[in-house]
Amino acid sequence: MSRDLCVEVPAIPVYQVRWAEAHWEIEQAYALRRAVFCTEQGIFRDDDRDAVDDAAQLLVAVELSDEWAGDRGQVVGTVRIHESEPGVWYGSRLAVALAHRRHGRIGATLIRLAVSSAHALGGKRFLAHVQSQNVPLFRRLHWSTLAEEMLLDRPHHLMQAELNYYPPCHTPFAGFEIDGRRGA
């Protein structure tokens, strides 16, 4: 006699990586940046916001899982981009929630959308000041180091994306969807 066993399989979360537009997305993105850059890393005292935020576009990775069903979702990653001069774009303040860093693709997908959407807007160069511990990730994503420098008392690399690797994304508010399977 066989028994049917009902085993509850946890749902695989889905992440939508897109340009932020809703107030709740923006507020959660700033809260995540404070958690990472102020509380966790201690780079800033109370808030990491600066004048760049006035001109920057925030991008978010929003977890859309059963846990957040009926809710808006939870921002688990963010980055900002801005055009410093015609054709020259910068990405900065890349942050992924500690519990989601092992996923491995949230940060990479935020970087992909950042560069691809700037490319669609006429970007000819895309640069970022990358903390040294994150340089291997950026190198895997086709970035090269232009200079090593100290920023905010921490070693950074000024890096440039290889634009040919990032086709233009003309739908940044829809962005990209990834599932929560690690390495999938």
N, C-alpha and C. Protein backbone atom coordinates (compact mmCIF):
# COMPACT_ATOMS: atom_id res chain seq x y z
N MET A 1 0.84 -1.17 0.00
CA MET A 1 0.00 0.00 0.00
C MET A 1 0.89 1.24 0.00
N SER A 2 0.68 2.09 -0.95
CA SER A 2 1.52 3.29 -1.03
C SER A 2 0.79 4.47 -0.42
N ARG A 3 1.59 5.31 0.15
CA ARG A 3 1.06 6.55 0.72
C ARG A 3 1.48 7.72 -0.12
N ASP A 4 0.55 8.60 -0.39
CA ASP A 4 0.90 9.83 -1.08
C ASP A 4 1.37 10.83 -0.04
N LEU A 5 2.54 11.30 -0.23
CA LEU A 5 3.07 12.30 0.69
C LEU A 5 2.94 13.67 0.07
N CYS A 6 2.38 14.55 0.83
CA CYS A 6 2.26 15.94 0.38
C CYS A 6 3.42 16.71 0.97
N VAL A 7 4.33 17.08 0.16
CA VAL A 7 5.45 17.88 0.61
C VAL A 7 5.32 19.25 -0.01
N GLU A 8 5.33 20.25 0.85
CA GLU A 8 5.20 21.61 0.34
C GLU A 8 6.55 22.06 -0.21
N VAL A 9 6.56 22.39 -1.46
CA VAL A 9 7.78 22.88 -2.12
C VAL A 9 7.72 24.40 -2.11
N PRO A 10 8.76 25.01 -1.56
CA PRO A 10 8.73 26.48 -1.52
C PRO A 10 8.72 27.07 -2.93
N ALA A 11 7.97 28.12 -3.08
CA ALA A 11 7.89 28.81 -4.37
C ALA A 11 9.23 29.46 -4.69
N ILE A 12 9.56 29.45 -5.95
CA ILE A 12 10.79 30.11 -6.39
C ILE A 12 10.46 31.57 -6.62
N PRO A 13 11.17 32.46 -5.94
CA PRO A 13 10.85 33.88 -6.13
C PRO A 13 11.22 34.36 -7.53
N VAL A 14 10.53 35.37 -7.96
CA VAL A 14 10.81 36.01 -9.23
C VAL A 14 11.23 37.44 -8.91
N TYR A 15 12.21 37.94 -9.64
CA TYR A 15 12.70 39.30 -9.45
C TYR A 15 12.48 40.09 -10.73
N GLN A 16 11.94 41.26 -10.60
CA GLN A 16 11.78 42.18 -11.72
C GLN A 16 12.83 43.27 -11.54
N VAL A 17 13.73 43.40 -12.49
CA VAL A 17 14.78 44.42 -12.44
C VAL A 17 14.37 45.49 -13.44
N ARG A 18 14.13 46.70 -12.95
CA ARG A 18 13.56 47.76 -13.78
C ARG A 18 13.91 49.13 -13.21
N TRP A 19 13.60 50.14 -14.03
CA TRP A 19 13.72 51.51 -13.54
C TRP A 19 12.64 51.72 -12.49
N ALA A 20 12.98 52.36 -11.40
CA ALA A 20 12.02 52.67 -10.36
C ALA A 20 11.14 53.82 -10.81
N GLU A 21 9.85 53.72 -10.51
CA GLU A 21 8.96 54.84 -10.80
C GLU A 21 7.97 55.08 -9.68
N ALA A 22 7.59 54.04 -8.94
CA ALA A 22 6.63 54.20 -7.86
C ALA A 22 7.33 54.73 -6.61
N HIS A 23 6.60 55.51 -5.84
CA HIS A 23 7.15 56.11 -4.62
C HIS A 23 7.69 55.03 -3.67
N TRP A 24 6.96 53.91 -3.52
CA TRP A 24 7.40 52.87 -2.60
C TRP A 24 8.71 52.23 -3.05
N GLU A 25 8.92 52.11 -4.37
CA GLU A 25 10.17 51.55 -4.88
C GLU A 25 11.34 52.47 -4.55
N ILE A 26 11.13 53.74 -4.74
CA ILE A 26 12.18 54.72 -4.47
C ILE A 26 12.52 54.75 -2.99
N GLU A 27 11.51 54.76 -2.14
CA GLU A 27 11.74 54.78 -0.69
C GLU A 27 12.47 53.52 -0.23
N GLN A 28 12.05 52.36 -0.73
CA GLN A 28 12.72 51.11 -0.35
C GLN A 28 14.16 51.07 -0.88
N ALA A 29 14.40 51.63 -2.07
CA ALA A 29 15.75 51.67 -2.62
C ALA A 29 16.66 52.52 -1.73
N TYR A 30 16.18 53.70 -1.32
CA TYR A 30 16.99 54.55 -0.43
C TYR A 30 17.22 53.87 0.92
N ALA A 31 16.21 53.18 1.44
CA ALA A 31 16.37 52.47 2.71
C ALA A 31 17.42 51.36 2.57
N LEU A 32 17.40 50.65 1.45
CA LEU A 32 18.39 49.61 1.22
C LEU A 32 19.79 50.20 1.13
N ARG A 33 19.93 51.31 0.43
CA ARG A 33 21.25 51.96 0.36
C ARG A 33 21.74 52.37 1.74
N ARG A 34 20.85 52.93 2.57
CA ARG A 34 21.25 53.29 3.94
C ARG A 34 21.71 52.05 4.71
N ALA A 35 20.97 50.95 4.57
CA ALA A 35 21.33 49.71 5.27
C ALA A 35 22.72 49.23 4.85
N VAL A 36 23.01 49.29 3.55
CA VAL A 36 24.29 48.79 3.05
C VAL A 36 25.43 49.77 3.31
N PHE A 37 25.26 51.03 2.90
CA PHE A 37 26.38 51.97 2.93
C PHE A 37 26.56 52.68 4.27
N CYS A 38 25.51 52.80 5.07
CA CYS A 38 25.63 53.44 6.38
C CYS A 38 25.79 52.42 7.50
N THR A 39 24.83 51.51 7.61
CA THR A 39 24.83 50.55 8.72
C THR A 39 25.87 49.45 8.53
N GLU A 40 25.82 48.76 7.40
CA GLU A 40 26.69 47.61 7.18
C GLU A 40 28.15 48.01 6.94
N GLN A 41 28.37 48.92 5.99
CA GLN A 41 29.75 49.27 5.62
C GLN A 41 30.29 50.47 6.38
N GLY A 42 29.44 51.29 6.95
CA GLY A 42 29.90 52.45 7.71
C GLY A 42 30.58 53.52 6.88
N ILE A 43 30.28 53.57 5.60
CA ILE A 43 30.91 54.56 4.72
C ILE A 43 30.33 55.95 4.99
N PHE A 44 29.02 56.01 5.19
CA PHE A 44 28.34 57.27 5.48
C PHE A 44 27.73 57.18 6.86
N ARG A 45 27.52 58.32 7.49
CA ARG A 45 27.03 58.32 8.86
C ARG A 45 25.53 58.02 8.94
N ASP A 46 24.70 58.87 8.37
CA ASP A 46 23.26 58.71 8.50
C ASP A 46 22.54 58.44 7.18
N ASP A 47 23.10 58.96 6.09
CA ASP A 47 22.43 58.85 4.80
C ASP A 47 23.48 58.96 3.70
N ASP A 48 23.29 58.22 2.62
CA ASP A 48 24.26 58.24 1.53
C ASP A 48 23.80 59.12 0.37
N ARG A 49 22.64 59.73 0.51
CA ARG A 49 22.12 60.55 -0.60
C ARG A 49 23.00 61.78 -0.80
N ASP A 50 23.12 62.19 -2.08
CA ASP A 50 23.92 63.36 -2.43
C ASP A 50 23.29 64.07 -3.63
N ALA A 51 23.99 65.05 -4.16
CA ALA A 51 23.46 65.85 -5.27
C ALA A 51 23.22 65.01 -6.52
N VAL A 52 23.96 63.93 -6.71
CA VAL A 52 23.77 63.07 -7.88
C VAL A 52 22.35 62.51 -7.90
N ASP A 53 21.79 62.24 -6.73
CA ASP A 53 20.44 61.68 -6.67
C ASP A 53 19.40 62.60 -7.31
N ASP A 54 19.66 63.90 -7.33
CA ASP A 54 18.71 64.83 -7.94
C ASP A 54 18.59 64.64 -9.45
N ALA A 55 19.65 64.13 -10.07
CA ALA A 55 19.66 63.95 -11.53
C ALA A 55 19.62 62.48 -11.94
N ALA A 56 19.79 61.58 -10.99
CA ALA A 56 19.94 60.16 -11.30
C ALA A 56 18.61 59.45 -11.47
N GLN A 57 18.66 58.38 -12.21
CA GLN A 57 17.54 57.44 -12.33
C GLN A 57 17.86 56.24 -11.46
N LEU A 58 16.96 55.90 -10.55
CA LEU A 58 17.12 54.71 -9.72
C LEU A 58 16.63 53.48 -10.46
N LEU A 59 17.34 52.39 -10.32
CA LEU A 59 16.92 51.09 -10.81
C LEU A 59 16.72 50.20 -9.60
N VAL A 60 15.79 49.28 -9.67
CA VAL A 60 15.50 48.41 -8.55
C VAL A 60 15.36 46.97 -9.01
N ALA A 61 15.66 46.06 -8.10
CA ALA A 61 15.35 44.64 -8.25
C ALA A 61 14.27 44.37 -7.21
N VAL A 62 13.08 44.02 -7.67
CA VAL A 62 11.94 43.81 -6.78
C VAL A 62 11.63 42.32 -6.72
N GLU A 63 11.59 41.78 -5.51
CA GLU A 63 11.20 40.39 -5.33
C GLU A 63 9.69 40.28 -5.40
N LEU A 64 9.23 39.44 -6.30
CA LEU A 64 7.80 39.19 -6.47
C LEU A 64 7.56 37.72 -6.17
N SER A 65 7.32 37.39 -4.91
CA SER A 65 7.12 36.00 -4.53
C SER A 65 5.79 35.84 -3.82
N ASP A 66 5.44 34.59 -3.50
CA ASP A 66 4.20 34.33 -2.78
C ASP A 66 4.18 35.07 -1.44
N GLU A 67 5.35 35.22 -0.85
CA GLU A 67 5.44 35.93 0.43
C GLU A 67 4.93 37.36 0.30
N TRP A 68 5.09 37.94 -0.89
CA TRP A 68 4.69 39.32 -1.11
C TRP A 68 3.40 39.40 -1.92
N ALA A 69 2.69 38.25 -2.06
CA ALA A 69 1.45 38.23 -2.84
C ALA A 69 0.46 39.25 -2.28
N GLY A 70 -0.17 39.97 -3.17
CA GLY A 70 -1.12 41.00 -2.75
C GLY A 70 -0.45 42.27 -2.30
N ASP A 71 0.85 42.21 -2.19
CA ASP A 71 1.63 43.38 -1.81
C ASP A 71 2.35 43.88 -3.05
N ARG A 72 3.08 44.95 -2.90
CA ARG A 72 3.78 45.52 -4.05
C ARG A 72 5.06 44.78 -4.38
N GLY A 73 5.62 44.12 -3.42
CA GLY A 73 6.92 43.48 -3.59
C GLY A 73 7.92 44.11 -2.65
N GLN A 74 9.12 43.60 -2.68
CA GLN A 74 10.18 44.11 -1.82
C GLN A 74 11.40 44.42 -2.67
N VAL A 75 11.96 45.61 -2.51
CA VAL A 75 13.18 45.99 -3.21
C VAL A 75 14.35 45.28 -2.51
N VAL A 76 15.06 44.45 -3.28
CA VAL A 76 16.19 43.70 -2.73
C VAL A 76 17.51 44.11 -3.37
N GLY A 77 17.45 45.03 -4.33
CA GLY A 77 18.66 45.52 -4.98
C GLY A 77 18.38 46.85 -5.64
N THR A 78 19.43 47.66 -5.78
CA THR A 78 19.27 48.96 -6.42
C THR A 78 20.62 49.45 -6.95
N VAL A 79 20.54 50.35 -7.90
CA VAL A 79 21.69 51.08 -8.43
C VAL A 79 21.13 52.36 -9.02
N ARG A 80 21.95 53.37 -9.17
CA ARG A 80 21.50 54.60 -9.82
C ARG A 80 22.41 54.88 -11.01
N ILE A 81 21.84 55.56 -12.01
CA ILE A 81 22.62 55.96 -13.18
C ILE A 81 22.36 57.43 -13.46
N HIS A 82 23.36 58.09 -14.02
CA HIS A 82 23.16 59.48 -14.45
C HIS A 82 24.14 59.80 -15.57
N GLU A 83 23.74 60.77 -16.38
CA GLU A 83 24.57 61.24 -17.49
C GLU A 83 25.35 62.45 -16.99
N SER A 84 26.67 62.33 -16.92
CA SER A 84 27.51 63.42 -16.41
C SER A 84 27.79 64.49 -17.46
N GLU A 85 27.82 64.06 -18.71
CA GLU A 85 27.97 64.95 -19.87
C GLU A 85 27.40 64.18 -21.06
N PRO A 86 27.10 64.84 -22.17
CA PRO A 86 26.47 64.12 -23.28
C PRO A 86 27.24 62.86 -23.66
N GLY A 87 26.53 61.72 -23.59
CA GLY A 87 27.10 60.44 -23.98
C GLY A 87 27.90 59.72 -22.92
N VAL A 88 28.15 60.38 -21.77
CA VAL A 88 28.95 59.75 -20.71
C VAL A 88 28.04 59.49 -19.50
N TRP A 89 27.86 58.23 -19.18
CA TRP A 89 26.99 57.80 -18.10
C TRP A 89 27.80 57.16 -16.98
N TYR A 90 27.30 57.31 -15.77
CA TYR A 90 27.90 56.69 -14.59
C TYR A 90 26.85 55.87 -13.85
N GLY A 91 27.29 54.76 -13.32
CA GLY A 91 26.49 53.98 -12.38
C GLY A 91 27.12 54.10 -11.01
N SER A 92 26.29 54.12 -9.98
CA SER A 92 26.82 54.21 -8.62
C SER A 92 25.80 53.71 -7.62
N ARG A 93 26.28 53.49 -6.41
CA ARG A 93 25.46 53.05 -5.27
C ARG A 93 24.76 51.71 -5.53
N LEU A 94 25.49 50.78 -6.15
CA LEU A 94 24.95 49.43 -6.34
C LEU A 94 24.86 48.77 -4.97
N ALA A 95 23.66 48.30 -4.62
CA ALA A 95 23.45 47.66 -3.33
C ALA A 95 22.47 46.49 -3.51
N VAL A 96 22.81 45.37 -2.90
CA VAL A 96 21.93 44.20 -2.87
C VAL A 96 21.77 43.80 -1.41
N ALA A 97 20.53 43.52 -1.01
CA ALA A 97 20.26 43.12 0.37
C ALA A 97 21.09 41.90 0.74
N LEU A 98 21.60 41.88 1.94
CA LEU A 98 22.50 40.82 2.40
C LEU A 98 21.91 39.43 2.15
N ALA A 99 20.65 39.24 2.45
CA ALA A 99 20.02 37.93 2.29
C ALA A 99 19.89 37.49 0.83
N HIS A 100 20.09 38.41 -0.11
CA HIS A 100 19.92 38.09 -1.53
C HIS A 100 21.24 38.08 -2.30
N ARG A 101 22.35 38.32 -1.64
CA ARG A 101 23.64 38.38 -2.34
C ARG A 101 24.08 37.03 -2.86
N ARG A 102 23.72 35.97 -2.21
CA ARG A 102 24.14 34.64 -2.67
C ARG A 102 23.42 34.22 -3.95
N HIS A 103 22.37 34.92 -4.29
CA HIS A 103 21.63 34.59 -5.51
C HIS A 103 22.55 34.66 -6.72
N GLY A 104 23.40 35.67 -6.74
CA GLY A 104 24.41 35.76 -7.78
C GLY A 104 24.05 36.51 -9.04
N ARG A 105 22.76 36.72 -9.29
CA ARG A 105 22.40 37.38 -10.54
C ARG A 105 21.71 38.72 -10.34
N ILE A 106 21.33 39.05 -9.12
CA ILE A 106 20.61 40.30 -8.90
C ILE A 106 21.51 41.48 -9.22
N GLY A 107 22.70 41.52 -8.64
CA GLY A 107 23.63 42.61 -8.93
C GLY A 107 24.01 42.67 -10.40
N ALA A 108 24.28 41.51 -10.98
CA ALA A 108 24.67 41.45 -12.40
C ALA A 108 23.55 41.95 -13.31
N THR A 109 22.30 41.63 -12.96
CA THR A 109 21.18 42.08 -13.79
C THR A 109 20.93 43.56 -13.63
N LEU A 110 21.14 44.09 -12.43
CA LEU A 110 21.05 45.54 -12.23
C LEU A 110 22.10 46.25 -13.09
N ILE A 111 23.32 45.72 -13.12
CA ILE A 111 24.39 46.30 -13.93
C ILE A 111 24.01 46.22 -15.41
N ARG A 112 23.50 45.09 -15.82
CA ARG A 112 23.10 44.90 -17.23
C ARG A 112 22.06 45.93 -17.65
N LEU A 113 21.01 46.12 -16.82
CA LEU A 113 19.99 47.10 -17.17
C LEU A 113 20.54 48.52 -17.13
N ALA A 114 21.40 48.81 -16.17
CA ALA A 114 21.98 50.15 -16.07
C ALA A 114 22.70 50.51 -17.36
N VAL A 115 23.59 49.64 -17.80
CA VAL A 115 24.39 49.93 -18.98
C VAL A 115 23.53 49.88 -20.25
N SER A 116 22.67 48.88 -20.36
CA SER A 116 21.84 48.73 -21.57
C SER A 116 20.85 49.86 -21.75
N SER A 117 20.28 50.37 -20.66
CA SER A 117 19.34 51.48 -20.80
C SER A 117 20.06 52.78 -21.11
N ALA A 118 21.24 53.00 -20.53
CA ALA A 118 22.02 54.18 -20.88
C ALA A 118 22.47 54.09 -22.34
N HIS A 119 22.83 52.90 -22.78
CA HIS A 119 23.21 52.68 -24.17
C HIS A 119 22.06 53.06 -25.10
N ALA A 120 20.84 52.69 -24.73
CA ALA A 120 19.66 53.02 -25.54
C ALA A 120 19.40 54.52 -25.60
N LEU A 121 19.86 55.23 -24.57
CA LEU A 121 19.68 56.69 -24.51
C LEU A 121 20.84 57.46 -25.14
N GLY A 122 21.67 56.76 -25.90
CA GLY A 122 22.77 57.42 -26.61
C GLY A 122 24.09 57.40 -25.88
N GLY A 123 24.19 56.59 -24.82
CA GLY A 123 25.45 56.51 -24.09
C GLY A 123 26.58 55.97 -24.95
N LYS A 124 27.70 56.65 -24.92
CA LYS A 124 28.90 56.22 -25.66
C LYS A 124 29.93 55.62 -24.71
N ARG A 125 29.84 56.00 -23.43
CA ARG A 125 30.72 55.46 -22.38
C ARG A 125 29.88 55.25 -21.14
N PHE A 126 30.18 54.17 -20.41
CA PHE A 126 29.52 53.92 -19.14
C PHE A 126 30.60 53.58 -18.12
N LEU A 127 30.67 54.37 -17.06
CA LEU A 127 31.73 54.27 -16.07
C LEU A 127 31.15 54.04 -14.68
N ALA A 128 31.98 53.53 -13.78
CA ALA A 128 31.60 53.38 -12.38
C ALA A 128 32.86 53.33 -11.54
N HIS A 129 32.75 53.87 -10.32
CA HIS A 129 33.79 53.73 -9.31
C HIS A 129 33.40 52.50 -8.49
N VAL A 130 34.15 51.43 -8.62
CA VAL A 130 33.79 50.13 -8.06
C VAL A 130 34.69 49.81 -6.87
N GLN A 131 34.07 49.46 -5.75
CA GLN A 131 34.86 49.04 -4.60
C GLN A 131 35.69 47.82 -4.99
N SER A 132 36.92 47.78 -4.52
CA SER A 132 37.87 46.75 -4.95
C SER A 132 37.34 45.33 -4.81
N GLN A 133 36.59 45.04 -3.74
CA GLN A 133 36.10 43.67 -3.56
C GLN A 133 35.09 43.27 -4.63
N ASN A 134 34.52 44.23 -5.35
CA ASN A 134 33.53 43.93 -6.39
C ASN A 134 34.11 43.90 -7.80
N VAL A 135 35.40 44.19 -7.93
CA VAL A 135 36.04 44.23 -9.25
C VAL A 135 35.92 42.89 -9.99
N PRO A 136 36.11 41.73 -9.34
CA PRO A 136 35.97 40.47 -10.10
C PRO A 136 34.60 40.31 -10.76
N LEU A 137 33.54 40.70 -10.09
CA LEU A 137 32.19 40.63 -10.69
C LEU A 137 32.14 41.50 -11.95
N PHE A 138 32.61 42.72 -11.86
CA PHE A 138 32.56 43.62 -13.01
C PHE A 138 33.44 43.12 -14.16
N ARG A 139 34.58 42.54 -13.84
CA ARG A 139 35.42 41.98 -14.91
C ARG A 139 34.71 40.85 -15.64
N ARG A 140 34.00 40.00 -14.88
CA ARG A 140 33.23 38.92 -15.53
C ARG A 140 32.14 39.48 -16.43
N LEU A 141 31.68 40.69 -16.12
CA LEU A 141 30.61 41.33 -16.89
C LEU A 141 31.14 42.25 -17.98
N HIS A 142 32.40 42.07 -18.35
CA HIS A 142 33.02 42.80 -19.47
C HIS A 142 33.26 44.29 -19.15
N TRP A 143 33.85 44.52 -18.00
CA TRP A 143 34.30 45.85 -17.61
C TRP A 143 35.82 45.80 -17.49
N SER A 144 36.47 46.95 -17.71
CA SER A 144 37.92 47.02 -17.54
C SER A 144 38.27 48.19 -16.63
N THR A 145 39.37 48.03 -15.93
CA THR A 145 39.85 49.05 -15.00
C THR A 145 40.60 50.13 -15.77
N LEU A 146 40.24 51.38 -15.53
CA LEU A 146 40.95 52.52 -16.11
C LEU A 146 41.95 53.10 -15.12
N ALA A 147 41.63 53.03 -13.83
CA ALA A 147 42.51 53.58 -12.80
C ALA A 147 42.13 52.99 -11.45
N GLU A 148 43.11 52.94 -10.56
CA GLU A 148 42.84 52.57 -9.17
C GLU A 148 42.93 53.84 -8.35
N GLU A 149 42.02 53.99 -7.37
CA GLU A 149 41.95 55.23 -6.61
C GLU A 149 41.38 54.98 -5.23
N MET A 150 41.54 55.96 -4.36
CA MET A 150 40.92 55.92 -3.02
C MET A 150 39.74 56.87 -3.02
N LEU A 151 38.57 56.36 -2.68
CA LEU A 151 37.37 57.17 -2.53
C LEU A 151 36.75 56.82 -1.19
N LEU A 152 36.37 57.83 -0.44
CA LEU A 152 35.73 57.62 0.85
C LEU A 152 36.57 56.69 1.74
N ASP A 153 37.89 56.88 1.67
CA ASP A 153 38.86 56.10 2.45
C ASP A 153 38.84 54.61 2.15
N ARG A 154 38.41 54.25 0.94
CA ARG A 154 38.38 52.85 0.53
C ARG A 154 38.94 52.71 -0.87
N PRO A 155 39.62 51.60 -1.13
CA PRO A 155 40.16 51.39 -2.49
C PRO A 155 39.03 51.11 -3.49
N HIS A 156 39.11 51.81 -4.61
CA HIS A 156 38.13 51.67 -5.70
C HIS A 156 38.88 51.54 -7.02
N HIS A 157 38.17 51.08 -8.02
CA HIS A 157 38.66 51.07 -9.39
C HIS A 157 37.69 51.90 -10.22
N LEU A 158 38.22 52.82 -11.01
CA LEU A 158 37.40 53.47 -12.02
C LEU A 158 37.34 52.48 -13.17
N MET A 159 36.11 52.03 -13.48
CA MET A 159 35.94 50.98 -14.49
C MET A 159 35.01 51.45 -15.60
N GLN A 160 35.19 50.85 -16.78
CA GLN A 160 34.38 51.17 -17.94
C GLN A 160 33.79 49.89 -18.52
N ALA A 161 32.50 49.96 -18.85
CA ALA A 161 31.82 48.82 -19.46
C ALA A 161 32.14 48.74 -20.94
N GLU A 162 32.25 47.54 -21.45
CA GLU A 162 32.39 47.31 -22.88
C GLU A 162 30.98 47.36 -23.48
N LEU A 163 30.63 48.49 -24.11
CA LEU A 163 29.26 48.70 -24.57
C LEU A 163 28.78 47.66 -25.58
N ASN A 164 29.68 47.10 -26.36
CA ASN A 164 29.28 46.09 -27.34
C ASN A 164 28.67 44.85 -26.68
N TYR A 165 28.99 44.64 -25.42
CA TYR A 165 28.46 43.51 -24.68
C TYR A 165 27.04 43.79 -24.16
N TYR A 166 26.60 45.04 -24.19
CA TYR A 166 25.32 45.46 -23.62
C TYR A 166 24.42 46.06 -24.70
N PRO A 167 23.58 45.23 -25.35
CA PRO A 167 22.68 45.79 -26.36
C PRO A 167 21.71 46.78 -25.73
N PRO A 168 21.32 47.81 -26.47
CA PRO A 168 20.41 48.82 -25.92
C PRO A 168 19.09 48.21 -25.44
N CYS A 169 18.64 48.66 -24.28
CA CYS A 169 17.34 48.27 -23.74
C CYS A 169 16.42 49.49 -23.83
N HIS A 170 15.43 49.40 -24.68
CA HIS A 170 14.51 50.52 -24.90
C HIS A 170 13.27 50.45 -24.01
N THR A 171 13.19 49.45 -23.14
CA THR A 171 12.03 49.28 -22.26
C THR A 171 12.48 49.17 -20.80
N PRO A 172 13.16 50.18 -20.27
CA PRO A 172 13.74 50.05 -18.93
C PRO A 172 12.71 49.99 -17.80
N PHE A 173 11.49 50.50 -18.02
CA PHE A 173 10.49 50.39 -16.96
C PHE A 173 9.94 48.98 -16.87
N ALA A 174 10.03 48.21 -17.94
CA ALA A 174 9.68 46.79 -17.90
C ALA A 174 10.91 45.99 -17.46
N GLY A 175 12.07 46.38 -17.98
CA GLY A 175 13.33 45.79 -17.56
C GLY A 175 13.46 44.32 -17.87
N PHE A 176 14.02 43.58 -16.91
CA PHE A 176 14.30 42.16 -17.07
C PHE A 176 13.70 41.39 -15.90
N GLU A 177 13.31 40.16 -16.16
CA GLU A 177 12.81 39.28 -15.10
C GLU A 177 13.77 38.13 -14.95
N ILE A 178 14.09 37.79 -13.70
CA ILE A 178 14.93 36.64 -13.41
C ILE A 178 14.23 35.82 -12.34
N ASP A 179 14.47 34.51 -12.34
CA ASP A 179 13.89 33.70 -11.28
C ASP A 179 14.92 33.48 -10.19
N GLY A 180 14.44 32.98 -9.07
CA GLY A 180 15.28 32.85 -7.89
C GLY A 180 16.15 31.62 -7.84
N ARG A 181 16.15 30.80 -8.87
CA ARG A 181 17.04 29.64 -8.85
C ARG A 181 18.46 30.12 -9.01
N ARG A 182 19.28 29.77 -8.09
CA ARG A 182 20.67 30.21 -8.12
C ARG A 182 21.37 29.64 -9.34
N GLY A 183 21.97 30.54 -10.11
CA GLY A 183 22.71 30.13 -11.29
C GLY A 183 21.85 29.72 -12.47
N ALA A 184 20.54 29.87 -12.34
CA ALA A 184 19.65 29.46 -13.43
C ALA A 184 19.63 30.49 -14.53
